[in-house]
PDB file of N, CA and C in Angstrom:
ATOM      1  N   MET A   1      61.900  65.829 -19.642  1.00  0.00           N
ATOM      2  CA  MET A   1      61.119  66.984 -20.050  1.00  0.00           C
ATOM      3  C   MET A   1      60.104  66.577 -21.096  1.00  0.00           C
ATOM      4  N   GLY A   2      58.993  67.283 -21.136  1.00  0.00           N
ATOM      5  CA  GLY A   2      57.942  66.982 -22.097  1.00  0.00           C
ATOM      6  C   GLY A   2      58.230  67.566 -23.465  1.00  0.00           C
ATOM      7  N   GLU A   3      57.451  67.123 -24.402  1.00  0.00           N
ATOM      8  CA  GLU A   3      57.591  67.618 -25.762  1.00  0.00           C
ATOM      9  C   GLU A   3      56.921  68.980 -25.887  1.00  0.00           C
ATOM     10  N   LYS A   4      57.466  69.801 -26.777  1.00  0.00           N
ATOM     11  CA  LYS A   4      56.849  71.091 -27.044  1.00  0.00           C
ATOM     12  C   LYS A   4      55.654  70.884 -27.956  1.00  0.00           C
ATOM     13  N   LYS A   5      54.565  71.566 -27.636  1.00  0.00           N
ATOM     14  CA  LYS A   5      53.365  71.479 -28.456  1.00  0.00           C
ATOM     15  C   LYS A   5      53.515  72.418 -29.653  1.00  0.00           C
ATOM     16  N   GLU A   6      52.950  71.991 -30.763  1.00  0.00           N
ATOM     17  CA  GLU A   6      52.979  72.829 -31.957  1.00  0.00           C
ATOM     18  C   GLU A   6      52.022  73.998 -31.764  1.00  0.00           C
ATOM     19  N   LEU A   7      52.419  75.162 -32.281  1.00  0.00           N
ATOM     20  CA  LEU A   7      51.598  76.357 -32.149  1.00  0.00           C
ATOM     21  C   LEU A   7      50.386  76.281 -33.067  1.00  0.00           C
ATOM     22  N   THR A   8      49.288  76.854 -32.601  1.00  0.00           N
ATOM     23  CA  THR A   8      48.092  76.951 -33.438  1.00  0.00           C
ATOM     24  C   THR A   8      48.306  78.077 -34.451  1.00  0.00           C
ATOM     25  N   GLU A   9      47.416  78.166 -35.421  1.00  0.00           N
ATOM     26  CA  GLU A   9      47.517  79.226 -36.429  1.00  0.00           C
ATOM     27  C   GLU A   9      47.418  80.605 -35.781  1.00  0.00           C
ATOM     28  N   ALA A  10      46.533  80.747 -34.810  1.00  0.00           N
ATOM     29  CA  ALA A  10      46.370  82.038 -34.118  1.00  0.00           C
ATOM     30  C   ALA A  10      47.643  82.404 -33.359  1.00  0.00           C
ATOM     31  N   GLN A  11      48.262  81.420 -32.727  1.00  0.00           N
ATOM     32  CA  GLN A  11      49.504  81.673 -31.997  1.00  0.00           C
ATOM     33  C   GLN A  11      50.636  82.044 -32.945  1.00  0.00           C
ATOM     34  N   LYS A  12      50.663  81.413 -34.112  1.00  0.00           N
ATOM     35  CA  LYS A  12      51.685  81.737 -35.111  1.00  0.00           C
ATOM     36  C   LYS A  12      51.507  83.176 -35.598  1.00  0.00           C
ATOM     37  N   ARG A  13      50.247  83.574 -35.845  1.00  0.00           N
ATOM     38  CA  ARG A  13      49.986  84.955 -36.271  1.00  0.00           C
ATOM     39  C   ARG A  13      50.400  85.941 -35.186  1.00  0.00           C
ATOM     40  N   ASP A  14      50.129  85.594 -33.921  1.00  0.00           N
ATOM     41  CA  ASP A  14      50.518  86.460 -32.808  1.00  0.00           C
ATOM     42  C   ASP A  14      52.035  86.626 -32.735  1.00  0.00           C
ATOM     43  N   MET A  15      52.766  85.542 -32.967  1.00  0.00           N
ATOM     44  CA  MET A  15      54.231  85.617 -32.928  1.00  0.00           C
ATOM     45  C   MET A  15      54.763  86.510 -34.046  1.00  0.00           C
ATOM     46  N   VAL A  16      54.176  86.389 -35.230  1.00  0.00           N
ATOM     47  CA  VAL A  16      54.588  87.239 -36.346  1.00  0.00           C
ATOM     48  C   VAL A  16      54.330  88.705 -35.995  1.00  0.00           C
ATOM     49  N   MET A  17      53.151  88.982 -35.439  1.00  0.00           N
ATOM     50  CA  MET A  17      52.807  90.342 -35.045  1.00  0.00           C
ATOM     51  C   MET A  17      53.762  90.851 -33.971  1.00  0.00           C
ATOM     52  N   LYS A  18      54.106  90.009 -33.036  1.00  0.00           N
ATOM     53  CA  LYS A  18      55.012  90.373 -31.942  1.00  0.00           C
ATOM     54  C   LYS A  18      56.373  90.805 -32.487  1.00  0.00           C
ATOM     55  N   TYR A  19      56.895  90.031 -33.435  1.00  0.00           N
ATOM     56  CA  TYR A  19      58.179  90.377 -34.045  1.00  0.00           C
ATOM     57  C   TYR A  19      58.077  91.658 -34.873  1.00  0.00           C
ATOM     58  N   GLU A  20      56.974  91.838 -35.584  1.00  0.00           N
ATOM     59  CA  GLU A  20      56.783  93.055 -36.379  1.00  0.00           C
ATOM     60  C   GLU A  20      56.764  94.293 -35.490  1.00  0.00           C
ATOM     61  N   ILE A  21      56.054  94.206 -34.378  1.00  0.00           N
ATOM     62  CA  ILE A  21      55.969  95.349 -33.464  1.00  0.00           C
ATOM     63  C   ILE A  21      57.321  95.614 -32.818  1.00  0.00           C
ATOM     64  N   ALA A  22      58.036  94.565 -32.436  1.00  0.00           N
ATOM     65  CA  ALA A  22      59.367  94.738 -31.861  1.00  0.00           C
ATOM     66  C   ALA A  22      60.279  95.459 -32.851  1.00  0.00           C
ATOM     67  N   GLU A  23      60.156  95.109 -34.128  1.00  0.00           N
ATOM     68  CA  GLU A  23      60.960  95.766 -35.155  1.00  0.00           C
ATOM     69  C   GLU A  23      60.571  97.230 -35.298  1.00  0.00           C
ATOM     70  N   GLU A  24      59.254  97.509 -35.304  1.00  0.00           N
ATOM     71  CA  GLU A  24      58.771  98.886 -35.407  1.00  0.00           C
ATOM     72  C   GLU A  24      59.280  99.753 -34.263  1.00  0.00           C
ATOM     73  N   LEU A  25      59.393  99.157 -33.074  1.00  0.00           N
ATOM     74  CA  LEU A  25      59.842  99.908 -31.899  1.00  0.00           C
ATOM     75  C   LEU A  25      61.357  99.949 -31.770  1.00  0.00           C
ATOM     76  N   GLY A  26      62.057  99.296 -32.687  1.00  0.00           N
ATOM     77  CA  GLY A  26      63.512  99.276 -32.631  1.00  0.00           C
ATOM     78  C   GLY A  26      64.063  98.321 -31.584  1.00  0.00           C
ATOM     79  N   LEU A  27      63.281  97.322 -31.216  1.00  0.00           N
ATOM     80  CA  LEU A  27      63.691  96.379 -30.174  1.00  0.00           C
ATOM     81  C   LEU A  27      64.088  95.005 -30.714  1.00  0.00           C
ATOM     82  N   LEU A  28      63.961  94.806 -32.008  1.00  0.00           N
ATOM     83  CA  LEU A  28      64.214  93.488 -32.581  1.00  0.00           C
ATOM     84  C   LEU A  28      65.664  93.044 -32.375  1.00  0.00           C
ATOM     85  N   GLU A  29      66.598  93.946 -32.547  1.00  0.00           N
ATOM     86  CA  GLU A  29      68.010  93.604 -32.350  1.00  0.00           C
ATOM     87  C   GLU A  29      68.266  93.169 -30.904  1.00  0.00           C
ATOM     88  N   LYS A  30      67.655  93.864 -29.960  1.00  0.00           N
ATOM     89  CA  LYS A  30      67.805  93.500 -28.549  1.00  0.00           C
ATOM     90  C   LYS A  30      67.215  92.123 -28.283  1.00  0.00           C
ATOM     91  N   VAL A  31      66.057  91.842 -28.866  1.00  0.00           N
ATOM     92  CA  VAL A  31      65.413  90.537 -28.700  1.00  0.00           C
ATOM     93  C   VAL A  31      66.312  89.437 -29.262  1.00  0.00           C
ATOM     94  N   GLU A  32      66.905  89.693 -30.424  1.00  0.00           N
ATOM     95  CA  GLU A  32      67.784  88.707 -31.041  1.00  0.00           C
ATOM     96  C   GLU A  32      69.044  88.469 -30.212  1.00  0.00           C
ATOM     97  N   GLN A  33      69.524  89.500 -29.524  1.00  0.00           N
ATOM     98  CA  GLN A  33      70.746  89.375 -28.732  1.00  0.00           C
ATOM     99  C   GLN A  33      70.506  88.724 -27.375  1.00  0.00           C
ATOM    100  N   VAL A  34      69.464  89.165 -26.663  1.00  0.00           N
ATOM    101  CA  VAL A  34      69.268  88.703 -25.285  1.00  0.00           C
ATOM    102  C   VAL A  34      67.976  87.914 -25.072  1.00  0.00           C
ATOM    103  N   GLY A  35      67.129  87.844 -26.105  1.00  0.00           N
ATOM    104  CA  GLY A  35      65.870  87.114 -25.976  1.00  0.00           C
ATOM    105  C   GLY A  35      64.768  87.994 -25.403  1.00  0.00           C
ATOM    106  N   TRP A  36      63.557  87.446 -25.412  1.00  0.00           N
ATOM    107  CA  TRP A  36      62.397  88.200 -24.928  1.00  0.00           C
ATOM    108  C   TRP A  36      62.506  88.506 -23.445  1.00  0.00           C
ATOM    109  N   LYS A  37      63.146  87.625 -22.686  1.00  0.00           N
ATOM    110  CA  LYS A  37      63.291  87.847 -21.238  1.00  0.00           C
ATOM    111  C   LYS A  37      64.224  89.008 -20.920  1.00  0.00           C
ATOM    112  N   GLY A  38      65.007  89.436 -21.888  1.00  0.00           N
ATOM    113  CA  GLY A  38      65.932  90.544 -21.691  1.00  0.00           C
ATOM    114  C   GLY A  38      65.290  91.911 -21.814  1.00  0.00           C
ATOM    115  N   LEU A  39      64.033  91.957 -22.223  1.00  0.00           N
ATOM    116  CA  LEU A  39      63.334  93.233 -22.343  1.00  0.00           C
ATOM    117  C   LEU A  39      62.878  93.711 -20.966  1.00  0.00           C
ATOM    118  N   THR A  40      62.793  95.013 -20.830  1.00  0.00           N
ATOM    119  CA  THR A  40      62.263  95.564 -19.586  1.00  0.00           C
ATOM    120  C   THR A  40      60.754  95.381 -19.572  1.00  0.00           C
ATOM    121  N   SER A  41      60.164  95.549 -18.411  1.00  0.00           N
ATOM    122  CA  SER A  41      58.709  95.418 -18.325  1.00  0.00           C
ATOM    123  C   SER A  41      58.020  96.509 -19.139  1.00  0.00           C
ATOM    124  N   LYS A  42      58.625  97.677 -19.206  1.00  0.00           N
ATOM    125  CA  LYS A  42      58.062  98.775 -19.995  1.00  0.00           C
ATOM    126  C   LYS A  42      58.051  98.408 -21.484  1.00  0.00           C
ATOM    127  N   GLU A  43      59.159  97.839 -21.961  1.00  0.00           N
ATOM    128  CA  GLU A  43      59.254  97.434 -23.367  1.00  0.00           C
ATOM    129  C   GLU A  43      58.267  96.312 -23.689  1.00  0.00           C
ATOM    130  N   SER A  44      58.189  95.336 -22.807  1.00  0.00           N
ATOM    131  CA  SER A  44      57.265  94.214 -23.008  1.00  0.00           C
ATOM    132  C   SER A  44      55.815  94.692 -22.992  1.00  0.00           C
ATOM    133  N   GLY A  45      55.507  95.576 -22.078  1.00  0.00           N
ATOM    134  CA  GLY A  45      54.162  96.123 -21.981  1.00  0.00           C
ATOM    135  C   GLY A  45      53.779  96.925 -23.207  1.00  0.00           C
ATOM    136  N   ARG A  46      54.745  97.629 -23.742  1.00  0.00           N
ATOM    137  CA  ARG A  46      54.500  98.418 -24.960  1.00  0.00           C
ATOM    138  C   ARG A  46      54.152  97.490 -26.129  1.00  0.00           C
ATOM    139  N   ILE A  47      54.915  96.407 -26.264  1.00  0.00           N
ATOM    140  CA  ILE A  47      54.647  95.431 -27.330  1.00  0.00           C
ATOM    141  C   ILE A  47      53.262  94.814 -27.130  1.00  0.00           C
ATOM    142  N   GLY A  48      52.968  94.382 -25.915  1.00  0.00           N
ATOM    143  CA  GLY A  48      51.671  93.773 -25.624  1.00  0.00           C
ATOM    144  C   GLY A  48      50.509  94.726 -25.852  1.00  0.00           C
ATOM    145  N   GLY A  49      50.703  95.970 -25.476  1.00  0.00           N
ATOM    146  CA  GLY A  49      49.658  96.972 -25.673  1.00  0.00           C
ATOM    147  C   GLY A  49      49.375  97.219 -27.142  1.00  0.00           C
ATOM    148  N   LEU A  50      50.419  97.302 -27.939  1.00  0.00           N
ATOM    149  CA  LEU A  50      50.240  97.522 -29.372  1.00  0.00           C
ATOM    150  C   LEU A  50      49.640  96.295 -30.050  1.00  0.00           C
ATOM    151  N   MET A  51      49.988  95.095 -29.561  1.00  0.00           N
ATOM    152  CA  MET A  51      49.378  93.876 -30.099  1.00  0.00           C
ATOM    153  C   MET A  51      47.879  93.882 -29.838  1.00  0.00           C
ATOM    154  N   GLY A  52      47.491  94.234 -28.626  1.00  0.00           N
ATOM    155  CA  GLY A  52      46.071  94.295 -28.279  1.00  0.00           C
ATOM    156  C   GLY A  52      45.329  95.312 -29.125  1.00  0.00           C
ATOM    157  N   LYS A  53      45.947  96.465 -29.333  1.00  0.00           N
ATOM    158  CA  LYS A  53      45.319  97.511 -30.147  1.00  0.00           C
ATOM    159  C   LYS A  53      45.121  97.029 -31.577  1.00  0.00           C
ATOM    160  N   LYS A  54      46.148  96.382 -32.151  1.00  0.00           N
ATOM    161  CA  LYS A  54      46.024  95.880 -33.525  1.00  0.00           C
ATOM    162  C   LYS A  54      44.940  94.812 -33.627  1.00  0.00           C
ATOM    163  N   LYS A  55      44.849  93.953 -32.619  1.00  0.00           N
ATOM    164  CA  LYS A  55      43.824  92.904 -32.629  1.00  0.00           C
ATOM    165  C   LYS A  55      42.427  93.516 -32.552  1.00  0.00           C
ATOM    166  N   ARG A  56      42.263  94.526 -31.692  1.00  0.00           N
ATOM    167  CA  ARG A  56      40.962  95.187 -31.579  1.00  0.00           C
ATOM    168  C   ARG A  56      40.589  95.887 -32.879  1.00  0.00           C
ATOM    169  N   ASP A  57      41.576  96.561 -33.497  1.00  0.00           N
ATOM    170  CA  ASP A  57      41.315  97.258 -34.754  1.00  0.00           C
ATOM    171  C   ASP A  57      40.925  96.270 -35.850  1.00  0.00           C
ATOM    172  N   THR A  58      41.612  95.142 -35.908  1.00  0.00           N
ATOM    173  CA  THR A  58      41.309  94.115 -36.903  1.00  0.00           C
ATOM    174  C   THR A  58      39.917  93.547 -36.675  1.00  0.00           C
ATOM    175  N   ALA A  59      39.577  93.285 -35.425  1.00  0.00           N
ATOM    176  CA  ALA A  59      38.260  92.732 -35.112  1.00  0.00           C
ATOM    177  C   ALA A  59      37.156  93.728 -35.463  1.00  0.00           C
ATOM    178  N   ALA A  60      37.401  95.009 -35.235  1.00  0.00           N
ATOM    179  CA  ALA A  60      36.400  96.027 -35.546  1.00  0.00           C
ATOM    180  C   ALA A  60      36.184  96.151 -37.044  1.00  0.00           C
ATOM    181  N   LYS A  61      37.251  95.976 -37.826  1.00  0.00           N
ATOM    182  CA  LYS A  61      37.137  96.079 -39.283  1.00  0.00           C
ATOM    183  C   LYS A  61      36.396  94.889 -39.872  1.00  0.00           C
ATOM    184  N   THR A  62      36.532  93.728 -39.252  1.00  0.00           N
ATOM    185  CA  THR A  62      35.903  92.530 -39.807  1.00  0.00           C
ATOM    186  C   THR A  62      34.426  92.422 -39.454  1.00  0.00           C
ATOM    187  N   LYS A  63      33.985  93.155 -38.442  1.00  0.00           N
ATOM    188  CA  LYS A  63      32.564  93.126 -38.085  1.00  0.00           C
ATOM    189  C   LYS A  63      31.768  93.928 -39.100  1.00  0.00           C
ATOM    190  N   SER A  64      30.708  93.339 -39.553  1.00  0.00           N
ATOM    191  CA  SER A  64      29.843  93.989 -40.528  1.00  0.00           C
ATOM    192  C   SER A  64      28.808  94.838 -39.794  1.00  0.00           C
ATOM    193  N   PRO A  65      28.502  96.039 -40.293  1.00  0.00           N
ATOM    194  CA  PRO A  65      27.501  96.885 -39.631  1.00  0.00           C
ATOM    195  C   PRO A  65      26.126  96.226 -39.570  1.00  0.00           C
ATOM    196  N   CYS A  66      25.790  95.412 -40.546  1.00  0.00           N
ATOM    197  CA  CYS A  66      24.459  94.793 -40.533  1.00  0.00           C
ATOM    198  C   CYS A  66      24.365  93.710 -39.464  1.00  0.00           C
ATOM    199  N   ASN A  67      25.476  93.163 -39.011  1.00  0.00           N
ATOM    200  CA  ASN A  67      25.454  92.140 -37.969  1.00  0.00           C
ATOM    201  C   ASN A  67      25.223  92.724 -36.586  1.00  0.00           C
ATOM    202  N   THR A  68      25.494  94.020 -36.431  1.00  0.00           N
ATOM    203  CA  THR A  68      25.387  94.633 -35.108  1.00  0.00           C
ATOM    204  C   THR A  68      23.995  95.189 -34.835  1.00  0.00           C
ATOM    205  N   SER A  69      23.209  95.395 -35.864  1.00  0.00           N
ATOM    206  CA  SER A  69      21.875  95.962 -35.639  1.00  0.00           C
ATOM    207  C   SER A  69      20.900  94.846 -35.283  1.00  0.00           C
ATOM    208  N   LYS A  70      19.933  95.203 -34.452  1.00  0.00           N
ATOM    209  CA  LYS A  70      18.910  94.234 -34.045  1.00  0.00           C
ATOM    210  C   LYS A  70      17.590  94.642 -34.698  1.00  0.00           C
ATOM    211  N   GLU A  71      17.325  94.052 -35.826  1.00  0.00           N
ATOM    212  CA  GLU A  71      16.101  94.366 -36.530  1.00  0.00           C
ATOM    213  C   GLU A  71      14.991  93.437 -36.110  1.00  0.00           C
ATOM    214  N   LYS A  72      13.805  93.990 -36.002  1.00  0.00           N
ATOM    215  CA  LYS A  72      12.638  93.170 -35.694  1.00  0.00           C
ATOM    216  C   LYS A  72      11.963  92.789 -37.006  1.00  0.00           C
ATOM    217  N   LEU A  73      11.609  91.561 -37.095  1.00  0.00           N
ATOM    218  CA  LEU A  73      10.953  91.085 -38.308  1.00  0.00           C
ATOM    219  C   LEU A  73       9.464  91.083 -38.149  1.00  0.00           C
TER     220      LEU A  73
END
């Protein structure tokens, strides 16, 4: 078997977010007992959907309004 690759910083942040959302939804105990594969597709989709929403919200907050306007000089 091959060696496991080290996670990038972005992947590490995603994993932290994934665990936080699982905890918020009350699924962390289930994940700890049976692993991520033990979740239903509905539960997994809920986590993924909330991760996407948080990422979009974060990206929207970091964009500056002056960067989005197209001014002519």
